[in-house]
Amino acid sequence: MNSYLGIIISREFLQRVKRKSFLITTILMPVIMLALMMAPAVIAALAEPEKQTIAVIDDSGDLGRSLHSDDNIKFNIISDNLADAKLNDDFDAILVIGKNSIKDPSGSISLYSHSAPSMVTEQAIVSQLEKAIENRRIKEYNIDNLRQIMEEVSVDISLQTYRLDKEDETATSSMLSYILGVAMMFILYMFILLYGQMVMTSIIEEKNNRVLEVVVSSVKPNTLMMGKILGIGAVAVTQILIWAVLIVVGGMLLMPWMSAMASSVDEPAFTGAIDTLSDPAFVTQLIVFMFLFLVGGFLLYSSIFAAIGSAVDNIQDASQLQTIAIMPILFAMIISMTVVNDPNSSLAVWTSMIPFTSPMVMMSRLPFGIPLWQPVVSTVILFISFMVMIWVAAKIYRVGIFMYGKKPSFADLVRWFNYK
């Protein structure tokens, strides 16, 4: 039996790893993700703001003179009324400043444009008017140097946080923990759903080709199902390990540059992020538990997908039954987005222990430095749950692979499970 299991695992693994699509996605995915992260900044840097000429009808008698033109926006104060100004094609937009703008600016200032104005243009106008109105209101108090006083009493706090459970005072970064938690949660979500459905699709295809009927004459159905799950799981692990190596190498190459930037930037949050990423124990713990929860989560859900794939003849029927597996995954993702805001809440702790939600929820909590016993206990529960689920799925699988022509109901699945 072990020799057959090894053959099946090897076939499933090599069949997918040798595909060009695997090589392309494995190599290009990190590049694409990095490009998507950098794209907004690059586009913003390369995009030139549209040059506009804006006519200003100033009924307040003062605010219009406070507007300063620059390379992108030119303000022209005109004496025409709004109706006449609308007939003038020399202006891209018309800014109307009402008489009561200082007391009630939200209802007294309007912008008329031939086309939808850009957010950059609106923000430039709003920021200048806000400053002008503030200056006018400050003058009304008739207090010398009031603006200077307000600037001196204004404060901007950057909170530096430290872990009390660490031997040395290592700075931490809540924002980095939040980003890491969300990123790892999405990676697990993607891999569990993608490769779990791959197991289901593979079984459906071989069932339609009647390949399974030939194979089960030599191999037990349970061994065949386990071989498919482990083979496809090995593909997922291989891909995640390659990505991990690329990330570690990239991090090592960028670390000197990041450390130099941290020393030149006096920003506690940034310094805390660098200190956190420079901690080998922290990074190792994340990688180890991400691997364990990826494997455990895949094994748990792939056994469910395998049972679904064996019970149907086509993808259309499978799409209805697979809701049983997809709903807990989506629920876990929703919970994870809440958990990152309070990783030590009761909801966070309990959902990170429930096996159907623990892979993604626990990975959302790990970057925040939770007690080590929690991920350890959660991992043990997850793998025990997989052993139970694979036993349940195997009983459905052994019957389902021989069933054709009818979409089973939930009652049918229960009846198959109870077959001796």
Protein backbone atom coordinates (compact mmCIF):
# COMPACT_ATOMS: atom_id res chain seq x y z
CA MET A 1 0.00 0.00 0.00
CA ASN A 2 2.84 2.39 0.84
CA SER A 3 4.44 1.82 -2.57
CA TYR A 4 1.16 2.65 -4.31
CA LEU A 5 0.75 5.75 -2.16
CA GLY A 6 4.24 6.92 -3.11
CA ILE A 7 3.54 6.36 -6.80
CA ILE A 8 0.30 8.34 -6.65
CA ILE A 9 1.93 11.20 -4.74
CA SER A 10 4.82 11.30 -7.19
CA ARG A 11 2.48 11.30 -10.19
CA GLU A 12 0.28 14.07 -8.85
CA PHE A 13 3.31 16.15 -7.88
CA LEU A 14 5.34 15.76 -11.08
CA GLN A 15 2.29 16.17 -13.32
CA ARG A 16 1.78 19.70 -11.99
CA VAL A 17 5.33 20.82 -11.25
CA LYS A 18 6.45 20.07 -14.81
CA ARG A 19 3.80 22.34 -16.28
CA LYS A 20 4.95 25.66 -17.64
CA SER A 21 2.13 27.38 -15.79
CA PHE A 22 3.63 26.28 -12.45
CA LEU A 23 7.05 27.65 -13.31
CA ILE A 24 5.60 30.90 -14.62
CA THR A 25 3.36 31.55 -11.63
CA THR A 26 6.06 30.56 -9.13
CA ILE A 27 8.63 32.92 -10.60
CA LEU A 28 6.40 35.74 -11.75
CA MET A 29 3.96 35.91 -8.84
CA PRO A 30 6.41 37.60 -6.42
CA VAL A 31 7.41 39.99 -9.19
CA ILE A 32 3.76 40.75 -9.99
CA MET A 33 2.90 41.28 -6.31
CA LEU A 34 5.88 43.62 -5.89
CA ALA A 35 4.90 45.48 -9.06
CA LEU A 36 1.32 45.88 -7.86
CA MET A 37 2.55 47.27 -4.56
CA MET A 38 4.84 49.77 -6.30
CA ALA A 39 2.50 50.64 -9.17
CA PRO A 40 0.45 53.34 -7.36
CA ALA A 41 3.60 55.20 -6.27
CA VAL A 42 5.19 54.94 -9.72
CA ILE A 43 2.03 56.07 -11.49
CA ALA A 44 1.62 58.96 -9.08
CA ALA A 45 5.22 60.01 -9.68
CA LEU A 46 4.98 59.79 -13.47
CA ALA A 47 1.49 61.24 -13.89
CA GLU A 48 1.55 64.97 -14.52
CA PRO A 49 -1.37 66.95 -13.05
CA GLU A 50 -3.63 68.61 -15.61
CA LYS A 51 -2.99 72.34 -16.03
CA GLN A 52 -6.18 74.32 -15.44
CA THR A 53 -7.31 77.92 -15.45
CA ILE A 54 -9.97 78.63 -12.85
CA ALA A 55 -12.10 81.76 -12.78
CA VAL A 56 -12.85 83.06 -9.28
CA ILE A 57 -16.05 84.96 -8.46
CA ASP A 58 -15.34 86.30 -4.98
CA ASP A 59 -18.44 87.70 -3.24
CA SER A 60 -16.64 87.63 0.12
CA GLY A 61 -14.35 90.42 -1.07
CA ASP A 62 -11.24 88.93 0.52
CA LEU A 63 -10.78 85.15 0.20
CA GLY A 64 -10.17 85.23 -3.55
CA ARG A 65 -6.96 87.24 -3.09
CA SER A 66 -5.62 84.48 -0.83
CA LEU A 67 -5.59 81.95 -3.67
CA HIS A 68 -2.12 81.56 -5.18
CA SER A 69 -1.50 80.17 -8.66
CA ASP A 70 1.14 77.53 -9.32
CA ASP A 71 2.43 75.52 -12.29
CA ASN A 72 -0.76 73.45 -12.49
CA ILE A 73 -3.57 75.78 -11.41
CA LYS A 74 -3.98 79.41 -12.42
CA PHE A 75 -6.59 81.52 -10.59
CA ASN A 76 -8.17 84.54 -12.31
CA ILE A 77 -10.44 86.79 -10.24
CA ILE A 78 -13.24 88.09 -12.48
CA SER A 79 -16.07 90.54 -11.94
CA ASP A 80 -18.60 88.69 -14.13
CA ASN A 81 -21.60 86.98 -12.65
CA LEU A 82 -21.94 83.19 -12.81
CA ALA A 83 -24.26 83.18 -15.83
CA ASP A 84 -21.85 85.25 -17.94
CA ALA A 85 -18.81 83.30 -16.73
CA LYS A 86 -20.36 80.03 -17.88
CA LEU A 87 -20.37 81.36 -21.45
CA ASN A 88 -16.62 82.00 -21.36
CA ASP A 89 -14.66 79.08 -22.80
CA ASP A 90 -11.31 80.48 -21.64
CA PHE A 91 -11.80 78.94 -18.19
CA ASP A 92 -11.71 75.25 -17.28
CA ALA A 93 -13.73 75.82 -14.11
CA ILE A 94 -15.45 78.57 -12.10
CA LEU A 95 -14.97 78.91 -8.35
CA VAL A 96 -17.74 80.85 -6.60
CA ILE A 97 -16.97 82.13 -3.10
CA GLY A 98 -20.14 83.29 -1.33
CA LYS A 99 -20.52 86.24 1.01
CA ASN A 100 -20.97 84.01 4.05
CA SER A 101 -17.97 81.79 3.30
CA ILE A 102 -16.03 82.61 6.46
CA LYS A 103 -18.89 81.66 8.81
CA ASP A 104 -20.37 78.82 6.72
CA PRO A 105 -17.85 77.69 4.05
CA SER A 106 -19.48 74.31 3.42
CA GLY A 107 -22.63 75.93 2.02
CA SER A 108 -21.15 79.00 0.40
CA ILE A 109 -18.34 77.75 -1.86
CA SER A 110 -19.03 76.00 -5.16
CA LEU A 111 -16.95 74.81 -8.11
CA TYR A 112 -18.42 74.63 -11.62
CA SER A 113 -16.46 72.65 -14.21
CA HIS A 114 -16.95 71.59 -17.85
CA SER A 115 -15.80 68.10 -16.86
CA ALA A 116 -15.27 66.24 -13.60
CA PRO A 117 -12.38 67.96 -11.77
CA SER A 118 -9.51 65.84 -10.50
CA MET A 119 -9.11 65.14 -6.81
CA VAL A 120 -5.72 66.89 -6.93
CA THR A 121 -7.39 70.09 -8.18
CA GLU A 122 -10.14 69.95 -5.58
CA GLN A 123 -7.67 69.30 -2.78
CA ALA A 124 -5.45 72.20 -3.87
CA ILE A 125 -8.40 74.61 -3.83
CA VAL A 126 -9.79 73.32 -0.54
CA SER A 127 -6.45 73.48 1.27
CA GLN A 128 -5.83 77.09 0.22
CA LEU A 129 -9.33 78.19 1.17
CA GLU A 130 -9.18 76.40 4.53
CA LYS A 131 -5.96 78.18 5.42
CA ALA A 132 -7.34 81.56 4.30
CA ILE A 133 -10.55 81.12 6.34
CA GLU A 134 -8.57 80.03 9.40
CA ASN A 135 -6.40 83.14 9.14
CA ARG A 136 -9.49 85.38 8.91
CA ARG A 137 -11.10 83.73 11.92
CA ILE A 138 -7.88 84.04 13.94
CA LYS A 139 -7.71 87.76 13.18
CA GLU A 140 -11.24 88.23 14.50
CA TYR A 141 -10.10 87.15 17.98
CA ASN A 142 -7.70 90.12 17.98
CA ILE A 143 -5.01 88.24 19.91
CA ASP A 144 -1.40 88.97 19.05
CA ASN A 145 0.58 86.05 17.62
CA LEU A 146 -2.40 83.68 17.95
CA ARG A 147 -1.27 81.67 14.94
CA GLN A 148 2.18 81.21 16.45
CA ILE A 149 0.65 80.24 19.78
CA MET A 150 -1.54 77.60 18.12
CA GLU A 151 1.44 76.13 16.28
CA GLU A 152 3.49 76.00 19.47
CA VAL A 153 0.81 74.21 21.49
CA SER A 154 0.06 71.76 18.67
CA VAL A 155 1.59 68.32 19.22
CA ASP A 156 2.05 65.20 17.08
CA ILE A 157 2.84 62.07 19.10
CA SER A 158 4.52 58.99 17.64
CA LEU A 159 4.03 56.25 20.21
CA GLN A 160 7.02 53.93 20.66
CA THR A 161 6.00 50.48 21.92
CA TYR A 162 8.10 47.77 23.61
CA ARG A 163 7.37 44.17 24.56
CA LEU A 164 7.56 43.46 28.31
CA ASP A 165 7.92 39.73 27.69
CA LYS A 166 11.19 40.22 25.80
CA GLU A 167 14.54 40.10 27.58
CA ASP A 168 15.82 43.14 25.71
CA GLU A 169 13.84 46.28 24.97
CA THR A 170 13.12 45.63 21.31
CA ALA A 171 10.87 48.15 19.65
CA THR A 172 7.76 46.86 17.91
CA SER A 173 5.53 48.20 15.18
CA SER A 174 1.75 47.72 15.31
CA MET A 175 1.38 48.83 11.69
CA LEU A 176 3.92 46.25 10.52
CA SER A 177 2.15 43.54 12.53
CA TYR A 178 -1.15 44.56 10.96
CA ILE A 179 0.29 44.43 7.42
CA LEU A 180 2.02 41.09 8.02
CA GLY A 181 -1.11 39.58 9.57
CA VAL A 182 -3.36 40.61 6.68
CA ALA A 183 -0.79 39.54 4.06
CA MET A 184 -0.24 36.07 5.53
CA MET A 185 -3.96 35.58 6.01
CA PHE A 186 -4.58 36.29 2.32
CA ILE A 187 -1.76 33.93 1.29
CA LEU A 188 -3.29 31.08 3.29
CA TYR A 189 -6.76 31.91 1.98
CA MET A 190 -5.50 31.82 -1.61
CA PHE A 191 -3.55 28.58 -1.27
CA ILE A 192 -6.16 26.65 0.70
CA LEU A 193 -8.93 27.60 -1.70
CA LEU A 194 -6.88 27.26 -4.88
CA TYR A 195 -5.22 23.93 -4.17
CA GLY A 196 -8.24 22.49 -2.37
CA GLN A 197 -10.34 23.09 -5.47
CA MET A 198 -7.52 21.60 -7.55
CA VAL A 199 -7.97 18.32 -5.66
CA MET A 200 -11.71 18.39 -6.35
CA THR A 201 -11.24 19.20 -10.06
CA SER A 202 -8.66 16.43 -10.52
CA ILE A 203 -11.01 13.82 -9.05
CA ILE A 204 -13.94 14.99 -11.19
CA GLU A 205 -11.85 14.83 -14.39
CA GLU A 206 -10.56 11.32 -13.67
CA LYS A 207 -14.04 10.19 -12.66
CA ASN A 208 -15.49 11.40 -15.97
CA ASN A 209 -12.67 9.68 -17.88
CA ARG A 210 -13.39 6.44 -15.97
CA VAL A 211 -9.74 6.38 -14.91
CA LEU A 212 -10.66 5.88 -11.26
CA GLU A 213 -12.54 2.68 -12.02
CA VAL A 214 -9.34 1.20 -13.47
CA VAL A 215 -7.06 2.50 -10.74
CA VAL A 216 -9.20 1.29 -7.81
CA SER A 217 -8.89 -2.26 -9.15
CA SER A 218 -5.29 -2.15 -7.86
CA VAL A 219 -5.38 0.59 -5.22
CA LYS A 220 -7.78 1.10 -2.36
CA PRO A 221 -9.95 4.23 -2.71
CA ASN A 222 -8.64 5.59 0.60
CA THR A 223 -5.04 5.29 -0.60
CA LEU A 224 -5.93 6.94 -3.91
CA MET A 225 -7.59 9.88 -2.20
CA MET A 226 -4.72 10.36 0.25
CA GLY A 227 -2.20 10.19 -2.58
CA LYS A 228 -4.00 12.91 -4.52
CA ILE A 229 -4.23 15.15 -1.47
CA LEU A 230 -0.58 14.70 -0.49
CA GLY A 231 0.68 15.04 -4.07
CA ILE A 232 -1.12 18.31 -4.71
CA GLY A 233 -0.21 19.45 -1.20
CA ALA A 234 3.45 18.88 -2.05
CA VAL A 235 3.00 21.21 -5.03
CA ALA A 236 1.63 23.93 -2.75
CA VAL A 237 4.45 23.46 -0.24
CA THR A 238 7.07 23.57 -3.00
CA GLN A 239 5.67 26.82 -4.32
CA ILE A 240 5.47 28.45 -0.90
CA LEU A 241 9.04 27.35 -0.06
CA ILE A 242 10.35 28.88 -3.28
CA TRP A 243 8.55 32.11 -2.46
CA ALA A 244 9.93 32.02 1.09
CA VAL A 245 13.49 31.68 -0.24
CA LEU A 246 12.95 34.58 -2.63
CA ILE A 247 11.53 36.72 0.18
CA VAL A 248 14.38 35.88 2.57
CA VAL A 249 17.04 36.55 -0.08
CA GLY A 250 15.33 39.78 -1.06
CA GLY A 251 15.07 40.79 2.59
CA MET A 252 18.77 40.09 3.17
CA LEU A 253 19.69 42.20 0.15
CA LEU A 254 17.44 45.07 1.25
CA MET A 255 18.26 44.92 4.97
CA PRO A 256 21.46 47.06 4.79
CA TRP A 257 19.57 49.71 2.85
CA MET A 258 16.63 49.59 5.28
CA SER A 259 18.96 49.79 8.30
CA ALA A 260 20.73 52.78 6.81
CA MET A 261 17.39 54.47 6.20
CA ALA A 262 16.26 53.70 9.74
CA SER A 263 19.36 55.35 11.16
CA SER A 264 18.77 58.46 9.06
CA VAL A 265 15.03 58.69 9.74
CA ASP A 266 14.05 59.61 13.27
CA GLU A 267 10.65 57.93 13.14
CA PRO A 268 9.80 55.47 15.96
CA ALA A 269 7.26 53.50 13.90
CA PHE A 270 9.75 52.96 11.07
CA THR A 271 12.55 52.08 13.50
CA GLY A 272 10.27 49.61 15.26
CA ALA A 273 9.42 47.93 11.96
CA ILE A 274 13.11 47.52 11.10
CA ASP A 275 13.86 46.10 14.55
CA THR A 276 11.01 43.63 14.21
CA LEU A 277 12.09 42.41 10.77
CA SER A 278 15.68 42.12 12.01
CA ASP A 279 14.69 39.68 14.78
CA PRO A 280 15.63 36.14 13.58
CA ALA A 281 13.44 34.45 16.21
CA PHE A 282 10.39 36.46 15.14
CA VAL A 283 10.89 35.79 11.42
CA THR A 284 11.62 32.08 12.01
CA GLN A 285 8.48 31.68 14.11
CA LEU A 286 6.35 33.26 11.40
CA ILE A 287 7.80 31.05 8.67
CA VAL A 288 7.50 27.81 10.71
CA PHE A 289 3.91 28.37 11.78
CA MET A 290 2.88 29.64 8.37
CA PHE A 291 4.20 26.38 6.91
CA LEU A 292 2.38 24.29 9.53
CA PHE A 293 -0.94 26.11 9.16
CA LEU A 294 -0.66 26.07 5.38
CA VAL A 295 -0.17 22.29 5.39
CA GLY A 296 -2.76 21.66 8.10
CA GLY A 297 -5.37 23.96 6.55
CA PHE A 298 -4.83 22.45 3.12
CA LEU A 299 -5.11 18.88 4.38
CA LEU A 300 -8.30 19.67 6.30
CA TYR A 301 -10.10 21.43 3.47
CA SER A 302 -8.72 19.30 0.65
CA SER A 303 -10.26 16.22 2.27
CA ILE A 304 -13.63 18.00 2.12
CA PHE A 305 -13.06 19.01 -1.51
CA ALA A 306 -12.02 15.43 -2.32
CA ALA A 307 -15.29 14.08 -0.91
CA ILE A 308 -17.25 16.65 -2.92
CA GLY A 309 -15.33 15.84 -6.12
CA SER A 310 -16.02 12.12 -5.73
CA ALA A 311 -19.75 12.74 -5.24
CA VAL A 312 -20.44 14.65 -8.49
CA ASP A 313 -19.87 14.26 -12.23
CA ASN A 314 -19.21 17.85 -13.31
CA ILE A 315 -17.99 21.23 -12.10
CA GLN A 316 -21.50 22.72 -12.18
CA ASP A 317 -22.82 20.27 -9.60
CA ALA A 318 -19.63 20.64 -7.57
CA SER A 319 -20.03 24.43 -7.41
CA GLN A 320 -23.18 23.98 -5.33
CA LEU A 321 -21.80 21.39 -2.93
CA GLN A 322 -18.47 23.14 -2.41
CA THR A 323 -20.29 25.90 -0.54
CA ILE A 324 -19.89 23.54 2.42
CA ALA A 325 -16.12 24.10 2.24
CA ILE A 326 -16.00 27.68 0.96
CA MET A 327 -18.26 29.28 3.56
CA PRO A 328 -15.98 28.48 6.56
CA ILE A 329 -13.00 29.82 4.57
CA LEU A 330 -14.79 33.08 3.80
CA PHE A 331 -15.99 33.33 7.39
CA ALA A 332 -12.41 32.87 8.60
CA MET A 333 -11.21 35.65 6.29
CA ILE A 334 -13.88 38.04 7.58
CA ILE A 335 -13.02 37.21 11.19
CA SER A 336 -9.31 37.73 10.43
CA MET A 337 -9.93 41.27 9.21
CA THR A 338 -11.53 42.00 12.61
CA VAL A 339 -8.93 40.12 14.62
CA VAL A 340 -6.00 42.26 13.42
CA ASN A 341 -7.58 45.22 15.22
CA ASP A 342 -7.63 43.36 18.54
CA PRO A 343 -5.53 40.16 18.35
CA ASN A 344 -6.03 39.22 22.02
CA SER A 345 -9.82 39.47 22.19
CA SER A 346 -11.93 36.46 23.16
CA LEU A 347 -13.20 36.19 19.57
CA ALA A 348 -9.62 36.15 18.28
CA VAL A 349 -8.48 33.46 20.72
CA TRP A 350 -11.41 31.09 20.23
CA THR A 351 -11.62 31.35 16.43
CA SER A 352 -7.88 30.73 16.23
CA MET A 353 -8.47 27.40 18.00
CA ILE A 354 -11.42 26.20 15.91
CA PRO A 355 -9.82 24.13 13.09
CA PHE A 356 -12.04 25.45 10.29
CA THR A 357 -10.99 29.05 11.00
CA SER A 358 -7.67 28.65 12.84
CA PRO A 359 -5.24 28.70 9.86
CA MET A 360 -6.13 32.21 8.72
CA VAL A 361 -7.13 33.69 12.08
CA MET A 362 -3.99 32.46 13.83
CA MET A 363 -1.75 33.80 11.06
CA SER A 364 -3.45 37.18 11.49
CA ARG A 365 -2.56 37.13 15.20
CA LEU A 366 0.99 35.75 15.09
CA PRO A 367 2.77 38.97 14.02
CA PHE A 368 1.45 40.66 17.17
CA GLY A 369 3.54 38.37 19.39
CA ILE A 370 0.92 36.18 21.05
CA PRO A 371 1.94 33.52 23.64
CA LEU A 372 3.68 30.56 22.01
CA TRP A 373 1.35 27.97 23.55
CA GLN A 374 -1.61 29.28 21.56
CA PRO A 375 -0.28 28.54 18.03
CA VAL A 376 1.14 25.24 19.28
CA VAL A 377 -2.22 24.10 20.69
CA SER A 378 -4.02 25.38 17.60
CA THR A 379 -1.67 23.41 15.33
CA VAL A 380 -2.25 20.19 17.29
CA ILE A 381 -6.03 20.65 17.15
CA LEU A 382 -5.83 21.36 13.42
CA PHE A 383 -3.94 18.17 12.56
CA ILE A 384 -6.14 16.03 14.82
CA SER A 385 -9.19 17.50 13.07
CA PHE A 386 -7.63 16.61 9.73
CA MET A 387 -7.29 12.97 10.79
CA VAL A 388 -10.97 12.91 11.72
CA MET A 389 -12.04 14.69 8.54
CA ILE A 390 -9.96 12.45 6.26
CA TRP A 391 -11.67 9.43 7.84
CA VAL A 392 -15.09 10.95 7.15
CA ALA A 393 -14.15 11.99 3.61
CA ALA A 394 -12.69 8.57 2.81
CA LYS A 395 -15.99 6.85 3.64
CA ILE A 396 -17.84 9.18 1.25
CA TYR A 397 -15.08 8.95 -1.39
CA ARG A 398 -15.10 5.14 -1.60
CA VAL A 399 -18.79 5.19 -2.57
CA GLY A 400 -18.96 8.46 -4.48
CA ILE A 401 -16.36 7.59 -7.14
CA PHE A 402 -18.68 4.85 -8.45
CA MET A 403 -21.80 7.03 -8.57
CA TYR A 404 -22.83 8.64 -11.89
CA GLY A 405 -25.75 10.50 -13.36
CA LYS A 406 -27.26 12.03 -10.23
CA LYS A 407 -26.28 14.97 -8.08
CA PRO A 408 -26.28 13.70 -4.50
CA SER A 409 -28.11 15.46 -1.73
CA PHE A 410 -26.78 16.00 1.75
CA ALA A 411 -28.86 13.02 2.89
CA ASP A 412 -27.12 10.87 0.25
CA LEU A 413 -23.72 11.89 1.59
CA VAL A 414 -24.78 10.91 5.10
CA ARG A 415 -26.06 7.56 3.82
CA TRP A 416 -22.76 6.90 1.99
CA PHE A 417 -20.86 7.68 5.17
CA ASN A 418 -22.91 5.10 7.09
CA TYR A 419 -22.25 2.31 4.57
CA LYS A 420 -20.29 -0.56 6.06
